[in-house]
Every structure is written in structure tokens, then in C-alpha cells.
Amino acid sequence: MPPGVRLIQKVSSTRTFAKIAPHVVPAMDRAVHRLTRGRVLLSARMLPGVILTATGAKSGQRRRTPLACMLEEGGTFILIGSNFGRPDHPSWTANLLAHPDAEINWQGRDIPVRARLLEGAERELVWTAVLRFWPPYANYQSRVDRRIRLFRLEWHHG
């Protein structure tokens, strides 16, 4: 584990971080990603990250959201709708439920994907892997009544 990761995990598990991060982290990620033409995503220094472009569930407009992700063997991505342990599902999850065909920018490459909400035994298996990958997700889940949504993104070829 790189130096400082345990400290970042501890800080990211706090309620204060949950209040501040949703306002600061995405704005910083979008700005740096734009300035570096997709080469750098600040939050990806600790966790792998993508920029998700999905169609808004209500607006129908394209929405760009920087998100942490977990890579799986075989080239699929898992997105975790933790919303930093806040009470509501993040809006990007509703967008994917309404419009599963989306796009991610991964390491400067645009990749068409199809999102699928994980449920049942499949979700439980992935949730176990997610907790090994980034233990603070357990704290986020313990603070909310909702079940954190997990999506698998698979490469989509038209």
C-alpha cells in the first residue's frame, strides 16, 4: 500500500469528509482533467478513477461526473454509488438506471460502456471485493439506510 493511503482511508471515512468532499473533489477532478486534456485525475492518485458521461434521467442532458472505480479482471469497471456516505443515492446512479448506455474516459481514452446494476449474490460477491479494495466503503454503508448501488460497466460496441 503506498505511503499515506491508510491516513487517506481514515480521513475519507469521517462524517466531515462526507459533508465537504461531494462539493470539492468532483470540481477539482473536472478542472484538472480538463487542464491536462484527460491525462490526470487527482482523485485517481489514491483510487482508480474515470469520468462518466451519462444521460440525465430527468433532463436528458449529458452529465460528466468524476468517479472512483474498481477494475476487474477482464476489463470491466465497478462503480460504487457511495455518495461519500450521504443519505441519498448519487444522481449519476439514477442516470445509469434510466440510460445504461454511457461513456467513460479512462486514462485519456473515451470508451463506450453499458452499465448494469448488480443485485443478489452477484452484488454480494462484488461488495466483498469492493471492501477489500477500499475499506472505508464499509463506514459509508453503515451510516446510511439505503443499500449502496454497484454498477458493472462493460465495454459496449454499438
N, C-alpha and C. Protein backbone atom coordinates (compact mmCIF):
# COMPACT_ATOMS: atom_id res chain seq x y z
N MET A 1 0.85 -1.17 0.00
CA MET A 1 0.00 0.00 0.00
C MET A 1 0.90 1.24 0.00
N PRO A 2 0.69 2.20 -0.93
CA PRO A 2 1.53 3.40 -0.97
C PRO A 2 1.44 4.19 0.33
N PRO A 3 2.52 4.92 0.69
CA PRO A 3 2.50 5.71 1.91
C PRO A 3 1.34 6.71 1.89
N GLY A 4 0.74 6.89 3.03
CA GLY A 4 -0.35 7.86 3.14
C GLY A 4 -1.73 7.31 2.85
N VAL A 5 -1.82 6.12 2.28
CA VAL A 5 -3.13 5.58 1.91
C VAL A 5 -3.97 5.30 3.15
N ARG A 6 -3.35 4.73 4.19
CA ARG A 6 -4.11 4.46 5.42
C ARG A 6 -4.67 5.75 6.01
N LEU A 7 -3.87 6.81 6.01
CA LEU A 7 -4.33 8.11 6.52
C LEU A 7 -5.50 8.61 5.67
N ILE A 8 -5.37 8.50 4.37
CA ILE A 8 -6.45 8.96 3.49
C ILE A 8 -7.70 8.11 3.70
N GLN A 9 -7.54 6.80 3.89
CA GLN A 9 -8.69 5.95 4.17
C GLN A 9 -9.38 6.39 5.46
N LYS A 10 -8.57 6.72 6.46
CA LYS A 10 -9.14 7.13 7.76
C LYS A 10 -9.89 8.46 7.60
N VAL A 11 -9.26 9.43 6.94
CA VAL A 11 -9.89 10.74 6.74
C VAL A 11 -11.16 10.60 5.89
N SER A 12 -11.10 9.78 4.85
CA SER A 12 -12.25 9.66 3.95
C SER A 12 -13.42 8.94 4.60
N SER A 13 -13.19 8.30 5.74
CA SER A 13 -14.26 7.61 6.45
C SER A 13 -15.05 8.53 7.38
N THR A 14 -14.58 9.76 7.59
CA THR A 14 -15.21 10.65 8.57
C THR A 14 -16.46 11.34 8.01
N ARG A 15 -17.34 11.73 8.92
CA ARG A 15 -18.55 12.45 8.54
C ARG A 15 -18.22 13.82 7.96
N THR A 16 -17.18 14.47 8.48
CA THR A 16 -16.77 15.78 7.96
C THR A 16 -16.37 15.67 6.49
N PHE A 17 -15.60 14.65 6.17
CA PHE A 17 -15.21 14.43 4.79
C PHE A 17 -16.44 14.22 3.92
N ALA A 18 -17.42 13.47 4.43
CA ALA A 18 -18.65 13.21 3.67
C ALA A 18 -19.41 14.50 3.38
N LYS A 19 -19.31 15.49 4.26
CA LYS A 19 -20.00 16.76 4.04
C LYS A 19 -19.28 17.63 3.01
N ILE A 20 -17.95 17.62 3.06
CA ILE A 20 -17.15 18.52 2.23
C ILE A 20 -16.83 17.93 0.85
N ALA A 21 -16.45 16.66 0.82
CA ALA A 21 -15.93 16.03 -0.40
C ALA A 21 -16.84 16.12 -1.61
N PRO A 22 -18.17 15.92 -1.48
CA PRO A 22 -19.00 15.96 -2.69
C PRO A 22 -18.98 17.31 -3.40
N HIS A 23 -18.60 18.37 -2.68
CA HIS A 23 -18.56 19.70 -3.28
C HIS A 23 -17.18 20.02 -3.85
N VAL A 24 -16.14 19.48 -3.21
CA VAL A 24 -14.77 19.85 -3.57
C VAL A 24 -14.13 18.87 -4.55
N VAL A 25 -14.22 17.57 -4.27
CA VAL A 25 -13.49 16.57 -5.05
C VAL A 25 -13.91 16.57 -6.53
N PRO A 26 -15.22 16.49 -6.86
CA PRO A 26 -15.57 16.47 -8.29
C PRO A 26 -15.15 17.74 -9.04
N ALA A 27 -15.28 18.90 -8.40
CA ALA A 27 -14.89 20.15 -9.06
C ALA A 27 -13.39 20.17 -9.35
N MET A 28 -12.60 19.74 -8.39
CA MET A 28 -11.15 19.68 -8.61
C MET A 28 -10.81 18.68 -9.70
N ASP A 29 -11.44 17.50 -9.65
CA ASP A 29 -11.17 16.49 -10.67
C ASP A 29 -11.51 16.99 -12.06
N ARG A 30 -12.69 17.62 -12.21
CA ARG A 30 -13.09 18.12 -13.54
C ARG A 30 -12.10 19.15 -14.06
N ALA A 31 -11.68 20.08 -13.19
CA ALA A 31 -10.76 21.14 -13.62
C ALA A 31 -9.41 20.57 -14.03
N VAL A 32 -8.83 19.72 -13.21
CA VAL A 32 -7.51 19.15 -13.53
C VAL A 32 -7.60 18.25 -14.76
N HIS A 33 -8.66 17.47 -14.88
CA HIS A 33 -8.85 16.59 -16.04
C HIS A 33 -8.91 17.43 -17.32
N ARG A 34 -9.63 18.54 -17.27
CA ARG A 34 -9.76 19.42 -18.44
C ARG A 34 -8.41 20.07 -18.77
N LEU A 35 -7.72 20.59 -17.75
CA LEU A 35 -6.44 21.26 -17.96
C LEU A 35 -5.36 20.34 -18.51
N THR A 36 -5.43 19.07 -18.15
CA THR A 36 -4.42 18.11 -18.61
C THR A 36 -4.89 17.30 -19.81
N ARG A 37 -6.00 17.73 -20.41
CA ARG A 37 -6.57 17.04 -21.57
C ARG A 37 -6.79 15.55 -21.31
N GLY A 38 -7.31 15.24 -20.13
CA GLY A 38 -7.66 13.87 -19.80
C GLY A 38 -6.54 13.00 -19.29
N ARG A 39 -5.35 13.58 -19.10
CA ARG A 39 -4.22 12.76 -18.65
C ARG A 39 -4.17 12.58 -17.14
N VAL A 40 -4.74 13.53 -16.38
CA VAL A 40 -4.64 13.46 -14.92
C VAL A 40 -6.01 13.59 -14.28
N LEU A 41 -6.28 12.73 -13.31
CA LEU A 41 -7.47 12.79 -12.48
C LEU A 41 -6.94 12.73 -11.05
N LEU A 42 -7.04 13.86 -10.31
CA LEU A 42 -6.42 13.95 -8.99
C LEU A 42 -6.84 12.82 -8.06
N SER A 43 -8.13 12.55 -7.97
CA SER A 43 -8.59 11.51 -7.04
C SER A 43 -8.03 10.14 -7.41
N ALA A 44 -7.65 9.97 -8.67
CA ALA A 44 -7.11 8.68 -9.13
C ALA A 44 -5.70 8.43 -8.59
N ARG A 45 -5.12 9.41 -7.89
CA ARG A 45 -3.82 9.19 -7.26
C ARG A 45 -3.95 8.17 -6.13
N MET A 46 -5.14 8.03 -5.55
CA MET A 46 -5.37 7.05 -4.49
C MET A 46 -6.22 5.88 -4.96
N LEU A 47 -7.24 6.17 -5.74
CA LEU A 47 -8.14 5.15 -6.28
C LEU A 47 -8.20 5.35 -7.78
N PRO A 48 -8.31 4.26 -8.55
CA PRO A 48 -8.51 4.44 -9.99
C PRO A 48 -9.76 5.28 -10.22
N GLY A 49 -9.74 6.10 -11.24
CA GLY A 49 -10.89 6.96 -11.50
C GLY A 49 -11.21 7.09 -12.96
N VAL A 50 -12.48 7.37 -13.23
CA VAL A 50 -12.97 7.61 -14.58
C VAL A 50 -13.81 8.88 -14.56
N ILE A 51 -14.01 9.43 -15.74
CA ILE A 51 -15.03 10.46 -15.92
C ILE A 51 -16.18 9.76 -16.62
N LEU A 52 -17.32 9.68 -15.94
CA LEU A 52 -18.51 9.06 -16.51
C LEU A 52 -19.31 10.13 -17.24
N THR A 53 -19.68 9.85 -18.48
CA THR A 53 -20.60 10.72 -19.22
C THR A 53 -21.86 9.90 -19.46
N ALA A 54 -22.94 10.34 -18.80
CA ALA A 54 -24.21 9.61 -18.88
C ALA A 54 -25.32 10.61 -19.18
N THR A 55 -26.43 10.11 -19.69
CA THR A 55 -27.59 10.94 -19.98
C THR A 55 -28.41 11.12 -18.71
N GLY A 56 -28.75 12.38 -18.40
CA GLY A 56 -29.53 12.68 -17.21
C GLY A 56 -30.89 12.00 -17.24
N ALA A 57 -31.28 11.40 -16.12
CA ALA A 57 -32.56 10.68 -16.03
C ALA A 57 -33.74 11.62 -16.25
N LYS A 58 -33.66 12.84 -15.72
CA LYS A 58 -34.76 13.79 -15.84
C LYS A 58 -34.54 14.77 -16.99
N SER A 59 -33.31 15.29 -17.09
CA SER A 59 -33.03 16.37 -18.05
C SER A 59 -32.80 15.86 -19.47
N GLY A 60 -32.30 14.62 -19.60
CA GLY A 60 -31.92 14.13 -20.92
C GLY A 60 -30.60 14.72 -21.40
N GLN A 61 -29.97 15.56 -20.60
CA GLN A 61 -28.70 16.20 -20.97
C GLN A 61 -27.53 15.30 -20.58
N ARG A 62 -26.42 15.44 -21.29
CA ARG A 62 -25.21 14.67 -20.99
C ARG A 62 -24.59 15.23 -19.72
N ARG A 63 -24.26 14.37 -18.78
CA ARG A 63 -23.68 14.76 -17.49
C ARG A 63 -22.32 14.09 -17.33
N ARG A 64 -21.31 14.90 -16.97
CA ARG A 64 -19.96 14.37 -16.75
C ARG A 64 -19.69 14.35 -15.24
N THR A 65 -19.30 13.18 -14.75
CA THR A 65 -19.07 13.01 -13.32
C THR A 65 -17.77 12.25 -13.08
N PRO A 66 -16.81 12.84 -12.36
CA PRO A 66 -15.61 12.09 -12.00
C PRO A 66 -15.95 11.10 -10.88
N LEU A 67 -15.54 9.85 -11.05
CA LEU A 67 -15.86 8.81 -10.07
C LEU A 67 -14.68 7.88 -9.84
N ALA A 68 -14.57 7.41 -8.60
CA ALA A 68 -13.63 6.33 -8.32
C ALA A 68 -14.23 5.05 -8.91
N CYS A 69 -13.37 4.14 -9.28
CA CYS A 69 -13.86 2.87 -9.81
C CYS A 69 -12.94 1.75 -9.35
N MET A 70 -13.43 0.54 -9.47
CA MET A 70 -12.63 -0.64 -9.19
C MET A 70 -12.55 -1.43 -10.50
N LEU A 71 -11.35 -1.73 -10.92
CA LEU A 71 -11.17 -2.52 -12.14
C LEU A 71 -11.28 -4.00 -11.81
N GLU A 72 -11.90 -4.73 -12.71
CA GLU A 72 -11.99 -6.18 -12.57
C GLU A 72 -11.16 -6.83 -13.66
N GLU A 73 -10.73 -8.06 -13.39
CA GLU A 73 -10.05 -8.81 -14.45
C GLU A 73 -11.01 -8.93 -15.62
N GLY A 74 -10.49 -8.84 -16.80
CA GLY A 74 -11.33 -8.94 -17.98
C GLY A 74 -11.74 -7.57 -18.53
N GLY A 75 -11.31 -6.50 -17.88
CA GLY A 75 -11.54 -5.17 -18.44
C GLY A 75 -12.85 -4.51 -18.09
N THR A 76 -13.58 -5.02 -17.10
CA THR A 76 -14.80 -4.35 -16.68
C THR A 76 -14.48 -3.42 -15.50
N PHE A 77 -15.37 -2.47 -15.27
CA PHE A 77 -15.22 -1.50 -14.20
C PHE A 77 -16.40 -1.62 -13.26
N ILE A 78 -16.17 -1.43 -11.97
CA ILE A 78 -17.24 -1.36 -10.98
C ILE A 78 -17.31 0.08 -10.49
N LEU A 79 -18.51 0.66 -10.56
CA LEU A 79 -18.75 1.98 -9.97
C LEU A 79 -19.54 1.78 -8.69
N ILE A 80 -19.16 2.53 -7.66
CA ILE A 80 -19.75 2.38 -6.33
C ILE A 80 -20.52 3.66 -6.00
N GLY A 81 -21.82 3.54 -5.82
CA GLY A 81 -22.67 4.72 -5.55
C GLY A 81 -22.70 5.08 -4.08
N SER A 82 -21.55 5.30 -3.48
CA SER A 82 -21.47 5.55 -2.04
C SER A 82 -21.94 6.95 -1.66
N ASN A 83 -21.73 7.91 -2.57
CA ASN A 83 -22.06 9.32 -2.29
C ASN A 83 -21.39 9.77 -1.00
N PHE A 84 -20.19 9.25 -0.73
CA PHE A 84 -19.40 9.61 0.45
C PHE A 84 -20.15 9.33 1.75
N GLY A 85 -21.07 8.36 1.74
CA GLY A 85 -21.82 8.02 2.94
C GLY A 85 -22.94 8.99 3.26
N ARG A 86 -23.40 9.72 2.25
CA ARG A 86 -24.53 10.63 2.44
C ARG A 86 -25.84 9.86 2.26
N PRO A 87 -26.96 10.40 2.78
CA PRO A 87 -28.21 9.62 2.83
C PRO A 87 -28.82 9.25 1.47
N ASP A 88 -28.65 10.08 0.44
CA ASP A 88 -29.30 9.83 -0.84
C ASP A 88 -28.36 9.15 -1.83
N HIS A 89 -28.97 8.38 -2.74
CA HIS A 89 -28.19 7.82 -3.84
C HIS A 89 -27.64 8.98 -4.67
N PRO A 90 -26.41 8.88 -5.18
CA PRO A 90 -25.91 9.93 -6.06
C PRO A 90 -26.72 9.96 -7.37
N SER A 91 -26.88 11.15 -7.93
CA SER A 91 -27.73 11.30 -9.12
C SER A 91 -27.21 10.50 -10.31
N TRP A 92 -25.91 10.30 -10.41
CA TRP A 92 -25.39 9.54 -11.55
C TRP A 92 -25.93 8.11 -11.56
N THR A 93 -26.29 7.57 -10.39
CA THR A 93 -26.83 6.20 -10.36
C THR A 93 -28.23 6.16 -10.99
N ALA A 94 -29.03 7.19 -10.73
CA ALA A 94 -30.36 7.26 -11.36
C ALA A 94 -30.20 7.43 -12.87
N ASN A 95 -29.19 8.20 -13.28
CA ASN A 95 -28.95 8.38 -14.71
C ASN A 95 -28.63 7.05 -15.38
N LEU A 96 -27.79 6.22 -14.75
CA LEU A 96 -27.44 4.92 -15.34
C LEU A 96 -28.62 3.96 -15.32
N LEU A 97 -29.47 4.03 -14.29
CA LEU A 97 -30.65 3.18 -14.27
C LEU A 97 -31.59 3.53 -15.43
N ALA A 98 -31.73 4.82 -15.70
CA ALA A 98 -32.62 5.28 -16.78
C ALA A 98 -31.99 5.09 -18.16
N HIS A 99 -30.68 5.30 -18.25
CA HIS A 99 -29.96 5.25 -19.54
C HIS A 99 -28.65 4.50 -19.34
N PRO A 100 -28.66 3.17 -19.42
CA PRO A 100 -27.45 2.39 -19.14
C PRO A 100 -26.32 2.54 -20.15
N ASP A 101 -26.62 3.01 -21.36
CA ASP A 101 -25.54 3.22 -22.33
C ASP A 101 -24.88 4.56 -22.02
N ALA A 102 -23.58 4.50 -21.78
CA ALA A 102 -22.84 5.69 -21.35
C ALA A 102 -21.44 5.64 -21.94
N GLU A 103 -20.58 6.52 -21.44
CA GLU A 103 -19.19 6.57 -21.88
C GLU A 103 -18.33 6.89 -20.67
N ILE A 104 -17.14 6.31 -20.63
CA ILE A 104 -16.18 6.70 -19.61
C ILE A 104 -14.92 7.17 -20.29
N ASN A 105 -14.24 8.08 -19.62
CA ASN A 105 -12.90 8.46 -20.04
C ASN A 105 -11.97 7.79 -19.03
N TRP A 106 -11.16 6.88 -19.55
CA TRP A 106 -10.24 6.11 -18.72
C TRP A 106 -8.84 6.33 -19.24
N GLN A 107 -8.02 6.97 -18.43
CA GLN A 107 -6.63 7.26 -18.79
C GLN A 107 -6.54 7.98 -20.13
N GLY A 108 -7.44 8.94 -20.34
CA GLY A 108 -7.41 9.75 -21.55
C GLY A 108 -8.13 9.17 -22.75
N ARG A 109 -8.68 7.94 -22.61
CA ARG A 109 -9.40 7.30 -23.72
C ARG A 109 -10.89 7.29 -23.45
N ASP A 110 -11.69 7.62 -24.46
CA ASP A 110 -13.14 7.53 -24.35
C ASP A 110 -13.58 6.12 -24.72
N ILE A 111 -14.36 5.50 -23.83
CA ILE A 111 -14.78 4.12 -24.02
C ILE A 111 -16.29 4.03 -23.87
N PRO A 112 -17.01 3.57 -24.90
CA PRO A 112 -18.46 3.35 -24.74
C PRO A 112 -18.70 2.15 -23.83
N VAL A 113 -19.63 2.31 -22.89
CA VAL A 113 -19.93 1.25 -21.93
C VAL A 113 -21.43 1.08 -21.78
N ARG A 114 -21.80 -0.08 -21.26
CA ARG A 114 -23.18 -0.34 -20.84
C ARG A 114 -23.12 -0.67 -19.36
N ALA A 115 -23.94 0.01 -18.56
CA ALA A 115 -23.96 -0.18 -17.11
C ALA A 115 -25.06 -1.16 -16.72
N ARG A 116 -24.73 -1.99 -15.72
CA ARG A 116 -25.71 -2.93 -15.21
C ARG A 116 -25.66 -2.89 -13.69
N LEU A 117 -26.82 -2.62 -13.06
CA LEU A 117 -26.93 -2.63 -11.61
C LEU A 117 -26.75 -4.06 -11.12
N LEU A 118 -25.86 -4.24 -10.15
CA LEU A 118 -25.63 -5.58 -9.60
C LEU A 118 -26.59 -5.84 -8.45
N GLU A 119 -27.14 -7.05 -8.43
CA GLU A 119 -28.10 -7.41 -7.40
C GLU A 119 -27.83 -8.83 -6.92
N GLY A 120 -28.44 -9.19 -5.79
CA GLY A 120 -28.39 -10.55 -5.29
C GLY A 120 -27.00 -11.04 -4.98
N ALA A 121 -26.77 -12.33 -5.25
CA ALA A 121 -25.49 -12.97 -4.94
C ALA A 121 -24.33 -12.31 -5.69
N GLU A 122 -24.60 -11.90 -6.93
CA GLU A 122 -23.55 -11.24 -7.72
C GLU A 122 -23.10 -9.95 -7.03
N ARG A 123 -24.07 -9.17 -6.52
CA ARG A 123 -23.73 -7.94 -5.83
C ARG A 123 -22.93 -8.23 -4.56
N GLU A 124 -23.34 -9.23 -3.81
CA GLU A 124 -22.65 -9.56 -2.56
C GLU A 124 -21.19 -9.96 -2.81
N LEU A 125 -20.96 -10.71 -3.86
CA LEU A 125 -19.61 -11.11 -4.21
C LEU A 125 -18.76 -9.89 -4.56
N VAL A 126 -19.31 -9.00 -5.36
CA VAL A 126 -18.57 -7.79 -5.74
C VAL A 126 -18.39 -6.87 -4.53
N TRP A 127 -19.42 -6.76 -3.67
CA TRP A 127 -19.31 -5.89 -2.48
C TRP A 127 -18.15 -6.35 -1.60
N THR A 128 -17.96 -7.65 -1.45
CA THR A 128 -16.83 -8.18 -0.68
C THR A 128 -15.51 -7.71 -1.29
N ALA A 129 -15.41 -7.78 -2.61
CA ALA A 129 -14.20 -7.33 -3.31
C ALA A 129 -14.01 -5.82 -3.14
N VAL A 130 -15.10 -5.06 -3.19
CA VAL A 130 -15.05 -3.60 -3.02
C VAL A 130 -14.50 -3.26 -1.64
N LEU A 131 -14.94 -3.96 -0.61
CA LEU A 131 -14.46 -3.68 0.75
C LEU A 131 -12.99 -4.02 0.93
N ARG A 132 -12.52 -5.05 0.23
CA ARG A 132 -11.07 -5.34 0.25
C ARG A 132 -10.31 -4.23 -0.47
N PHE A 133 -10.88 -3.76 -1.55
CA PHE A 133 -10.27 -2.73 -2.40
C PHE A 133 -10.16 -1.39 -1.66
N TRP A 134 -11.23 -0.96 -0.97
CA TRP A 134 -11.25 0.33 -0.27
C TRP A 134 -12.13 0.19 0.97
N PRO A 135 -11.56 -0.20 2.11
CA PRO A 135 -12.33 -0.47 3.33
C PRO A 135 -13.26 0.66 3.80
N PRO A 136 -12.98 1.94 3.55
CA PRO A 136 -13.91 2.98 4.02
C PRO A 136 -15.34 2.84 3.49
N TYR A 137 -15.54 2.09 2.40
CA TYR A 137 -16.91 1.90 1.91
C TYR A 137 -17.80 1.25 2.97
N ALA A 138 -17.22 0.44 3.86
CA ALA A 138 -18.00 -0.18 4.94
C ALA A 138 -18.55 0.90 5.87
N ASN A 139 -17.73 1.92 6.16
CA ASN A 139 -18.20 3.03 7.01
C ASN A 139 -19.32 3.80 6.31
N TYR A 140 -19.17 4.03 5.02
CA TYR A 140 -20.22 4.74 4.28
C TYR A 140 -21.53 3.98 4.38
N GLN A 141 -21.48 2.64 4.17
CA GLN A 141 -22.70 1.83 4.20
C GLN A 141 -23.32 1.84 5.60
N SER A 142 -22.49 1.85 6.62
CA SER A 142 -23.02 1.80 8.00
C SER A 142 -23.76 3.08 8.38
N ARG A 143 -23.48 4.19 7.68
CA ARG A 143 -24.11 5.47 8.01
C ARG A 143 -25.43 5.71 7.29
N VAL A 144 -25.77 4.87 6.33
CA VAL A 144 -26.96 5.13 5.52
C VAL A 144 -27.94 3.96 5.58
N ASP A 145 -29.23 4.28 5.42
CA ASP A 145 -30.25 3.24 5.41
C ASP A 145 -30.37 2.59 4.03
N ARG A 146 -30.00 3.32 3.00
CA ARG A 146 -30.10 2.78 1.64
C ARG A 146 -28.98 1.77 1.39
N ARG A 147 -29.19 0.92 0.41
CA ARG A 147 -28.15 -0.03 0.01
C ARG A 147 -27.33 0.63 -1.09
N ILE A 148 -26.03 0.73 -0.89
CA ILE A 148 -25.15 1.37 -1.87
C ILE A 148 -25.24 0.60 -3.19
N ARG A 149 -25.51 1.34 -4.26
CA ARG A 149 -25.64 0.72 -5.58
C ARG A 149 -24.26 0.44 -6.17
N LEU A 150 -24.14 -0.73 -6.78
CA LEU A 150 -22.93 -1.11 -7.50
C LEU A 150 -23.32 -1.36 -8.95
N PHE A 151 -22.52 -0.80 -9.85
CA PHE A 151 -22.74 -0.99 -11.29
C PHE A 151 -21.50 -1.61 -11.90
N ARG A 152 -21.73 -2.56 -12.79
CA ARG A 152 -20.64 -3.09 -13.62
C ARG A 152 -20.75 -2.41 -14.98
N LEU A 153 -19.64 -1.84 -15.42
CA LEU A 153 -19.58 -1.22 -16.75
C LEU A 153 -18.82 -2.17 -17.67
N GLU A 154 -19.48 -2.55 -18.75
CA GLU A 154 -18.85 -3.42 -19.73
C GLU A 154 -18.66 -2.64 -21.02
N TRP A 155 -17.57 -2.88 -21.71
CA TRP A 155 -17.32 -2.24 -22.98
C TRP A 155 -18.49 -2.52 -23.90
N HIS A 156 -18.98 -1.48 -24.56
CA HIS A 156 -20.15 -1.62 -25.43
C HIS A 156 -19.75 -1.25 -26.85
N HIS A 157 -20.00 -2.15 -27.76
CA HIS A 157 -19.61 -1.92 -29.16
C HIS A 157 -20.83 -1.74 -30.03
N GLY A 158 -21.58 -0.65 -29.76
CA GLY A 158 -22.69 -0.27 -30.60
C GLY A 158 -23.90 -1.08 -30.43
